[in-house]
């Protein structure tokens, strides 16, 4: 079933197909500082991992590095794949599938909000706020299986 849909953020009309849309999220970990979260500038509002849509012709890894920089000002080095999150209800706007990477920032001092993020900052694992989408689950998966690897 094909048709058109309108972007809830910018209003652009685009061709809609019944396929899930690929996205990336980046869990940036910094020992002594915590995890980077961004305050979303658009609906749904709230705290989230930096991330966004993969562009046509773009490698997922390149999309993750790009989105991290656009939303946080941080140049990151990807460390590995945390997981793939595909629950059709993870994003109320449309069915997305997120490939989630772990990363380290080259210079944590350069953190700033940008692009779709009104703010970007570090949160210690002991004081994480609630997040939008399924990011609480992603953070929980990180804490259970990967935080110690990052010295956290």
N, C-alpha and C. Protein backbone atom coordinates (compact mmCIF):
# COMPACT_ATOMS: atom_id res chain seq x y z
N UNK A 1 0.85 -1.17 0.00
CA UNK A 1 0.00 0.00 0.00
C UNK A 1 0.90 1.23 0.00
N UNK A 2 0.84 1.99 -1.05
CA UNK A 2 1.64 3.20 -1.15
C UNK A 2 0.74 4.42 -1.09
N UNK A 3 1.32 5.49 -0.68
CA UNK A 3 0.58 6.74 -0.61
C UNK A 3 1.55 7.85 -0.26
N UNK A 4 1.02 8.93 0.27
CA UNK A 4 1.87 10.02 0.72
C UNK A 4 1.62 10.26 2.20
N UNK A 5 2.59 10.86 2.82
CA UNK A 5 2.49 11.23 4.22
C UNK A 5 3.17 12.58 4.39
N UNK A 6 2.91 13.22 5.52
CA UNK A 6 3.50 14.52 5.80
C UNK A 6 4.38 14.41 7.02
N UNK A 7 5.59 14.94 6.94
CA UNK A 7 6.53 14.93 8.05
C UNK A 7 5.96 15.78 9.19
N UNK A 8 5.87 15.22 10.40
CA UNK A 8 5.33 15.98 11.52
C UNK A 8 6.24 17.12 11.98
N UNK A 9 7.51 17.09 11.58
CA UNK A 9 8.45 18.12 12.01
C UNK A 9 8.53 19.29 11.04
N UNK A 10 8.70 18.96 9.75
CA UNK A 10 8.92 20.05 8.79
C UNK A 10 7.76 20.28 7.83
N UNK A 11 6.79 19.36 7.81
CA UNK A 11 5.63 19.52 6.95
C UNK A 11 5.81 19.03 5.53
N UNK A 12 7.01 18.56 5.18
CA UNK A 12 7.26 18.08 3.83
C UNK A 12 6.39 16.86 3.53
N UNK A 13 5.89 16.80 2.30
CA UNK A 13 5.11 15.64 1.86
C UNK A 13 6.08 14.67 1.20
N UNK A 14 5.97 13.39 1.56
CA UNK A 14 6.86 12.41 0.99
C UNK A 14 6.09 11.15 0.63
N UNK A 15 6.70 10.36 -0.24
CA UNK A 15 6.08 9.10 -0.65
C UNK A 15 6.16 8.12 0.52
N UNK A 16 5.08 7.51 0.81
CA UNK A 16 5.01 6.57 1.92
C UNK A 16 4.92 5.15 1.38
N UNK A 17 5.78 4.29 1.86
CA UNK A 17 5.70 2.87 1.54
C UNK A 17 5.51 2.11 2.84
N UNK A 18 5.04 0.89 2.78
CA UNK A 18 4.74 0.15 4.01
C UNK A 18 5.97 -0.45 4.68
N UNK A 19 7.14 -0.01 4.32
CA UNK A 19 8.36 -0.59 4.88
C UNK A 19 8.85 0.23 6.08
N UNK A 20 9.47 -0.44 7.06
CA UNK A 20 10.06 0.30 8.17
C UNK A 20 11.16 1.25 7.67
N UNK A 21 11.36 2.32 8.40
CA UNK A 21 12.35 3.33 8.04
C UNK A 21 13.60 3.13 8.90
N UNK A 22 14.79 3.05 8.28
CA UNK A 22 16.01 2.83 9.05
C UNK A 22 16.48 4.10 9.76
N UNK A 23 16.85 3.90 11.02
CA UNK A 23 17.40 4.98 11.84
C UNK A 23 18.63 4.46 12.56
N UNK A 24 19.38 5.37 13.14
CA UNK A 24 20.52 5.02 14.00
C UNK A 24 20.40 5.82 15.28
N UNK A 25 20.91 5.25 16.35
CA UNK A 25 21.07 5.95 17.61
C UNK A 25 22.48 5.67 18.10
N UNK A 26 23.02 6.61 18.89
CA UNK A 26 24.40 6.48 19.36
C UNK A 26 24.43 6.65 20.87
N UNK A 27 24.95 5.65 21.54
CA UNK A 27 25.12 5.72 22.98
C UNK A 27 26.57 6.11 23.23
N UNK A 28 26.77 7.40 23.53
CA UNK A 28 28.11 7.94 23.74
C UNK A 28 28.41 7.86 25.23
N UNK A 29 29.42 7.06 25.58
CA UNK A 29 29.79 6.83 26.97
C UNK A 29 31.12 7.51 27.28
N UNK A 30 31.18 8.15 28.43
CA UNK A 30 32.40 8.83 28.86
C UNK A 30 32.63 8.56 30.34
N UNK A 31 33.64 7.74 30.68
CA UNK A 31 33.90 7.47 32.09
C UNK A 31 34.06 8.76 32.89
N UNK A 32 33.45 8.82 34.05
CA UNK A 32 33.51 10.00 34.90
C UNK A 32 32.46 11.05 34.58
N UNK A 33 31.83 10.95 33.42
CA UNK A 33 30.80 11.91 33.02
C UNK A 33 29.45 11.23 32.83
N UNK A 34 29.44 10.08 32.18
CA UNK A 34 28.20 9.37 31.96
C UNK A 34 27.87 9.17 30.50
N UNK A 35 26.57 9.22 30.21
CA UNK A 35 26.02 8.98 28.89
C UNK A 35 25.46 10.28 28.33
N UNK A 36 25.64 10.51 27.05
CA UNK A 36 25.11 11.71 26.41
C UNK A 36 23.64 11.49 26.04
N UNK A 37 22.80 12.42 26.46
CA UNK A 37 21.41 12.48 26.03
C UNK A 37 21.15 13.87 25.47
N UNK A 38 20.17 13.95 24.58
CA UNK A 38 19.79 15.23 24.00
C UNK A 38 18.33 15.53 24.34
N UNK A 39 18.05 16.80 24.56
CA UNK A 39 16.66 17.25 24.73
C UNK A 39 16.13 17.53 23.34
N UNK A 40 15.11 16.79 22.94
CA UNK A 40 14.57 16.92 21.58
C UNK A 40 13.90 18.28 21.37
N UNK A 41 14.16 18.86 20.22
CA UNK A 41 13.59 20.15 19.85
C UNK A 41 12.17 19.98 19.27
N UNK A 42 11.86 18.79 18.75
CA UNK A 42 10.57 18.52 18.11
C UNK A 42 9.87 17.36 18.80
N UNK A 43 8.57 17.23 18.52
CA UNK A 43 7.79 16.13 19.07
C UNK A 43 8.34 14.79 18.58
N UNK A 44 8.37 13.80 19.43
CA UNK A 44 8.01 13.86 20.84
C UNK A 44 9.13 14.52 21.65
N UNK A 45 8.73 15.45 22.51
CA UNK A 45 9.70 16.16 23.34
C UNK A 45 10.17 15.24 24.46
N UNK A 46 11.37 15.48 24.92
CA UNK A 46 11.95 14.71 26.02
C UNK A 46 13.40 14.39 25.74
N UNK A 47 14.00 13.65 26.64
CA UNK A 47 15.40 13.25 26.50
C UNK A 47 15.49 12.01 25.63
N UNK A 48 16.55 11.94 24.83
CA UNK A 48 16.75 10.81 23.92
C UNK A 48 18.24 10.64 23.65
N UNK A 49 18.58 9.48 23.14
CA UNK A 49 19.92 9.28 22.62
C UNK A 49 20.06 10.08 21.34
N UNK A 50 21.25 10.59 21.03
CA UNK A 50 21.42 11.25 19.74
C UNK A 50 21.19 10.23 18.62
N UNK A 51 20.53 10.67 17.58
CA UNK A 51 20.29 9.76 16.47
C UNK A 51 19.35 10.36 15.46
N UNK A 52 19.04 9.58 14.44
CA UNK A 52 18.13 10.06 13.42
C UNK A 52 18.07 9.13 12.23
N UNK A 53 17.55 9.64 11.15
CA UNK A 53 17.30 8.84 9.96
C UNK A 53 18.56 8.65 9.13
N UNK A 54 18.69 7.46 8.57
CA UNK A 54 19.78 7.15 7.65
C UNK A 54 19.40 7.71 6.29
N UNK A 55 20.30 8.44 5.67
CA UNK A 55 20.03 9.03 4.37
C UNK A 55 20.28 8.00 3.27
N UNK A 56 19.56 8.15 2.16
CA UNK A 56 19.75 7.26 1.01
C UNK A 56 21.21 7.29 0.57
N UNK A 57 21.80 6.12 0.39
CA UNK A 57 23.18 6.01 -0.05
C UNK A 57 24.20 6.12 1.07
N UNK A 58 23.76 6.24 2.30
CA UNK A 58 24.66 6.43 3.44
C UNK A 58 24.83 5.12 4.20
N UNK A 59 26.07 4.82 4.59
CA UNK A 59 26.32 3.68 5.47
C UNK A 59 25.76 4.00 6.85
N UNK A 60 25.26 2.99 7.54
CA UNK A 60 24.69 3.20 8.87
C UNK A 60 25.73 3.77 9.83
N UNK A 61 26.97 3.27 9.74
CA UNK A 61 28.03 3.78 10.62
C UNK A 61 28.28 5.26 10.37
N UNK A 62 28.28 5.66 9.10
CA UNK A 62 28.47 7.08 8.78
C UNK A 62 27.30 7.92 9.28
N UNK A 63 26.09 7.37 9.18
CA UNK A 63 24.92 8.08 9.69
C UNK A 63 25.02 8.29 11.20
N UNK A 64 25.51 7.28 11.91
CA UNK A 64 25.65 7.39 13.37
C UNK A 64 26.65 8.49 13.74
N UNK A 65 27.78 8.51 13.08
CA UNK A 65 28.79 9.54 13.35
C UNK A 65 28.24 10.92 13.01
N UNK A 66 27.56 11.03 11.86
CA UNK A 66 26.98 12.31 11.44
C UNK A 66 25.93 12.81 12.42
N UNK A 67 24.98 11.94 12.78
CA UNK A 67 23.92 12.34 13.70
C UNK A 67 24.48 12.73 15.07
N UNK A 68 25.47 11.99 15.56
CA UNK A 68 26.08 12.34 16.84
C UNK A 68 26.68 13.74 16.78
N UNK A 69 27.38 14.04 15.70
CA UNK A 69 27.98 15.37 15.57
C UNK A 69 26.92 16.45 15.43
N UNK A 70 25.92 16.23 14.57
CA UNK A 70 24.89 17.25 14.34
C UNK A 70 24.14 17.59 15.62
N UNK A 71 23.86 16.59 16.45
CA UNK A 71 23.03 16.83 17.63
C UNK A 71 23.81 17.17 18.89
N UNK A 72 25.12 16.82 18.93
CA UNK A 72 25.88 17.04 20.17
C UNK A 72 27.14 17.86 20.00
N UNK A 73 27.58 18.09 18.75
CA UNK A 73 28.84 18.77 18.52
C UNK A 73 30.04 17.88 18.78
N UNK A 74 29.83 16.62 19.12
CA UNK A 74 30.92 15.71 19.46
C UNK A 74 31.35 14.89 18.24
N UNK A 75 32.66 14.83 18.04
CA UNK A 75 33.21 13.90 17.08
C UNK A 75 33.39 12.58 17.84
N UNK A 76 32.79 11.52 17.32
CA UNK A 76 32.82 10.25 18.04
C UNK A 76 33.52 9.17 17.24
N UNK A 77 34.03 8.18 17.97
CA UNK A 77 34.57 6.96 17.40
C UNK A 77 33.63 5.84 17.81
N UNK A 78 33.06 5.15 16.84
CA UNK A 78 32.17 4.05 17.15
C UNK A 78 32.98 2.90 17.75
N UNK A 79 32.41 2.29 18.79
CA UNK A 79 33.08 1.17 19.46
C UNK A 79 32.48 -0.17 19.10
N UNK A 80 31.20 -0.18 18.81
CA UNK A 80 30.55 -1.44 18.48
C UNK A 80 29.06 -1.28 18.32
N UNK A 81 28.44 -2.39 18.02
CA UNK A 81 26.99 -2.43 17.84
C UNK A 81 26.36 -2.87 19.14
N UNK A 82 25.46 -2.05 19.69
CA UNK A 82 24.74 -2.43 20.91
C UNK A 82 23.57 -3.34 20.57
N UNK A 83 22.85 -3.02 19.50
CA UNK A 83 21.73 -3.85 19.10
C UNK A 83 20.89 -3.19 18.03
N UNK A 84 19.89 -3.96 17.58
CA UNK A 84 18.92 -3.47 16.60
C UNK A 84 17.56 -3.52 17.27
N UNK A 85 16.84 -2.41 17.24
CA UNK A 85 15.57 -2.28 17.94
C UNK A 85 14.48 -2.04 16.90
N UNK A 86 13.51 -2.97 16.84
CA UNK A 86 12.57 -2.95 15.72
C UNK A 86 11.11 -3.03 16.13
N UNK A 87 10.79 -2.83 17.39
CA UNK A 87 9.39 -2.87 17.81
C UNK A 87 8.60 -1.86 16.97
N UNK A 88 7.55 -2.30 16.27
CA UNK A 88 6.78 -1.37 15.44
C UNK A 88 6.20 -0.19 16.23
N UNK A 89 6.12 -0.31 17.54
CA UNK A 89 5.56 0.77 18.36
C UNK A 89 6.64 1.65 19.00
N UNK A 90 7.89 1.45 18.64
CA UNK A 90 8.98 2.21 19.28
C UNK A 90 8.90 3.70 18.98
N UNK A 91 8.29 4.07 17.86
CA UNK A 91 8.13 5.48 17.48
C UNK A 91 6.70 5.64 17.00
N UNK A 92 5.92 6.46 17.70
CA UNK A 92 4.50 6.63 17.37
C UNK A 92 4.28 7.28 16.01
N UNK A 93 5.30 7.95 15.46
CA UNK A 93 5.14 8.64 14.19
C UNK A 93 5.12 7.68 13.00
N UNK A 94 5.97 6.66 13.03
CA UNK A 94 6.05 5.69 11.96
C UNK A 94 6.90 4.51 12.43
N UNK A 95 6.84 3.41 11.71
CA UNK A 95 7.61 2.23 12.07
C UNK A 95 9.07 2.44 11.69
N UNK A 96 9.92 2.53 12.70
CA UNK A 96 11.35 2.68 12.48
C UNK A 96 12.08 1.46 13.02
N UNK A 97 13.24 1.22 12.47
CA UNK A 97 14.15 0.19 12.97
C UNK A 97 15.47 0.90 13.25
N UNK A 98 15.90 0.87 14.51
CA UNK A 98 17.12 1.59 14.87
C UNK A 98 18.28 0.63 15.09
N UNK A 99 19.39 0.94 14.43
CA UNK A 99 20.65 0.28 14.69
C UNK A 99 21.38 1.17 15.68
N UNK A 100 21.70 0.61 16.85
CA UNK A 100 22.27 1.40 17.94
C UNK A 100 23.74 1.05 18.13
N UNK A 101 24.58 2.08 18.09
CA UNK A 101 26.01 1.92 18.26
C UNK A 101 26.46 2.50 19.59
N UNK A 102 27.53 1.94 20.15
CA UNK A 102 28.21 2.56 21.27
C UNK A 102 29.37 3.38 20.71
N UNK A 103 29.73 4.43 21.43
CA UNK A 103 30.79 5.31 20.93
C UNK A 103 31.48 6.03 22.09
N UNK A 104 32.63 6.55 21.78
CA UNK A 104 33.38 7.44 22.69
C UNK A 104 33.60 8.76 21.97
N UNK A 105 33.57 9.83 22.74
CA UNK A 105 33.80 11.17 22.18
C UNK A 105 35.29 11.49 22.19
N UNK A 106 35.77 12.08 21.10
CA UNK A 106 37.17 12.48 21.04
C UNK A 106 37.46 13.61 22.03
N UNK A 107 36.57 14.57 22.15
CA UNK A 107 36.75 15.71 23.05
C UNK A 107 35.42 16.05 23.72
N UNK A 108 35.14 15.45 24.90
CA UNK A 108 33.85 15.67 25.57
C UNK A 108 33.54 17.13 25.89
N UNK A 109 34.56 17.97 25.93
CA UNK A 109 34.35 19.39 26.26
C UNK A 109 33.59 20.14 25.18
N UNK A 110 33.52 19.59 23.98
CA UNK A 110 32.86 20.30 22.88
C UNK A 110 31.36 20.04 22.81
N UNK A 111 30.79 19.38 23.79
CA UNK A 111 29.37 19.03 23.76
C UNK A 111 28.50 20.29 23.72
N UNK A 112 27.48 20.24 22.85
CA UNK A 112 26.50 21.33 22.72
C UNK A 112 25.30 20.78 21.96
N UNK A 113 24.16 21.32 22.20
CA UNK A 113 22.98 20.93 21.44
C UNK A 113 23.01 21.55 20.06
N UNK A 114 22.46 20.85 19.08
CA UNK A 114 22.40 21.37 17.73
C UNK A 114 21.42 20.58 16.89
N UNK A 115 21.07 21.09 15.74
CA UNK A 115 20.17 20.44 14.80
C UNK A 115 18.83 20.15 15.50
N UNK A 116 18.45 18.90 15.65
CA UNK A 116 17.17 18.54 16.27
C UNK A 116 17.22 18.56 17.79
N UNK A 117 18.38 18.85 18.36
CA UNK A 117 18.57 18.81 19.81
C UNK A 117 18.67 20.22 20.38
N UNK A 118 17.77 20.54 21.29
CA UNK A 118 17.81 21.85 21.95
C UNK A 118 18.96 21.92 22.95
N UNK A 119 19.35 20.76 23.48
CA UNK A 119 20.40 20.68 24.50
C UNK A 119 21.03 19.30 24.42
N UNK A 120 22.31 19.22 24.76
CA UNK A 120 23.00 17.95 24.87
C UNK A 120 23.83 17.99 26.14
N UNK A 121 23.78 16.90 26.91
CA UNK A 121 24.60 16.87 28.12
C UNK A 121 24.81 15.44 28.60
N UNK A 122 25.79 15.31 29.48
CA UNK A 122 26.11 14.03 30.08
C UNK A 122 25.23 13.79 31.30
N UNK A 123 24.81 12.55 31.46
CA UNK A 123 24.08 12.12 32.65
C UNK A 123 24.80 10.91 33.24
N UNK A 124 25.07 10.91 34.56
CA UNK A 124 25.64 9.70 35.16
C UNK A 124 24.61 8.57 35.09
N UNK A 125 25.10 7.33 35.01
CA UNK A 125 24.19 6.19 34.93
C UNK A 125 23.25 6.13 36.13
N UNK A 126 23.69 6.66 37.26
CA UNK A 126 22.87 6.63 38.47
C UNK A 126 21.77 7.69 38.47
N UNK A 127 21.77 8.58 37.50
CA UNK A 127 20.78 9.67 37.49
C UNK A 127 20.23 9.92 36.08
N UNK A 128 19.94 8.85 35.36
CA UNK A 128 19.38 9.00 34.02
C UNK A 128 17.92 9.43 34.10
N UNK A 129 17.52 10.41 33.30
CA UNK A 129 16.10 10.78 33.27
C UNK A 129 15.32 9.77 32.43
N UNK A 130 14.01 9.81 32.50
CA UNK A 130 13.21 9.02 31.57
C UNK A 130 13.43 9.53 30.17
N UNK A 131 13.29 8.65 29.19
CA UNK A 131 13.54 9.03 27.81
C UNK A 131 12.34 8.71 26.93
N UNK A 132 12.34 9.26 25.73
CA UNK A 132 11.29 9.00 24.75
C UNK A 132 11.66 7.77 23.92
N UNK A 133 10.73 7.39 23.05
CA UNK A 133 10.88 6.21 22.20
C UNK A 133 11.10 5.00 23.11
N UNK A 134 12.00 4.12 22.71
CA UNK A 134 12.35 2.95 23.52
C UNK A 134 13.75 3.11 24.11
N UNK A 135 14.17 4.34 24.32
CA UNK A 135 15.55 4.59 24.75
C UNK A 135 15.81 4.14 26.18
N UNK A 136 14.77 4.06 27.03
CA UNK A 136 14.99 3.49 28.37
C UNK A 136 15.43 2.03 28.25
N UNK A 137 14.82 1.30 27.34
CA UNK A 137 15.20 -0.10 27.12
C UNK A 137 16.63 -0.20 26.61
N UNK A 138 16.99 0.67 25.67
CA UNK A 138 18.35 0.66 25.12
C UNK A 138 19.36 0.96 26.22
N UNK A 139 19.06 1.97 27.05
CA UNK A 139 19.96 2.31 28.16
C UNK A 139 20.07 1.16 29.14
N UNK A 140 18.96 0.47 29.40
CA UNK A 140 18.97 -0.68 30.30
C UNK A 140 19.85 -1.79 29.72
N UNK A 141 19.72 -2.05 28.43
CA UNK A 141 20.56 -3.06 27.79
C UNK A 141 22.03 -2.70 27.92
N UNK A 142 22.36 -1.42 27.74
CA UNK A 142 23.75 -0.97 27.88
C UNK A 142 24.25 -1.20 29.31
N UNK A 143 23.44 -0.81 30.29
CA UNK A 143 23.85 -0.95 31.69
C UNK A 143 24.05 -2.41 32.08
N UNK A 144 23.24 -3.28 31.54
CA UNK A 144 23.33 -4.71 31.88
C UNK A 144 24.50 -5.41 31.23
N UNK A 145 24.87 -5.00 30.04
CA UNK A 145 25.88 -5.77 29.33
C UNK A 145 27.12 -5.06 28.85
N UNK A 146 27.16 -3.71 28.91
CA UNK A 146 28.27 -3.00 28.29
C UNK A 146 28.89 -1.91 29.14
N UNK A 147 28.21 -1.45 30.16
CA UNK A 147 28.73 -0.31 30.94
C UNK A 147 30.10 -0.60 31.54
N UNK A 148 30.31 -1.80 32.06
CA UNK A 148 31.59 -2.13 32.68
C UNK A 148 32.72 -2.06 31.66
N UNK A 149 32.44 -2.44 30.43
CA UNK A 149 33.45 -2.38 29.36
C UNK A 149 33.91 -0.94 29.11
N UNK A 150 33.04 0.01 29.40
CA UNK A 150 33.35 1.43 29.21
C UNK A 150 33.86 2.09 30.49
N UNK A 151 34.13 1.29 31.53
CA UNK A 151 34.63 1.84 32.78
C UNK A 151 33.60 2.63 33.55
N UNK A 152 32.34 2.20 33.43
CA UNK A 152 31.26 2.93 34.08
C UNK A 152 30.57 2.05 35.11
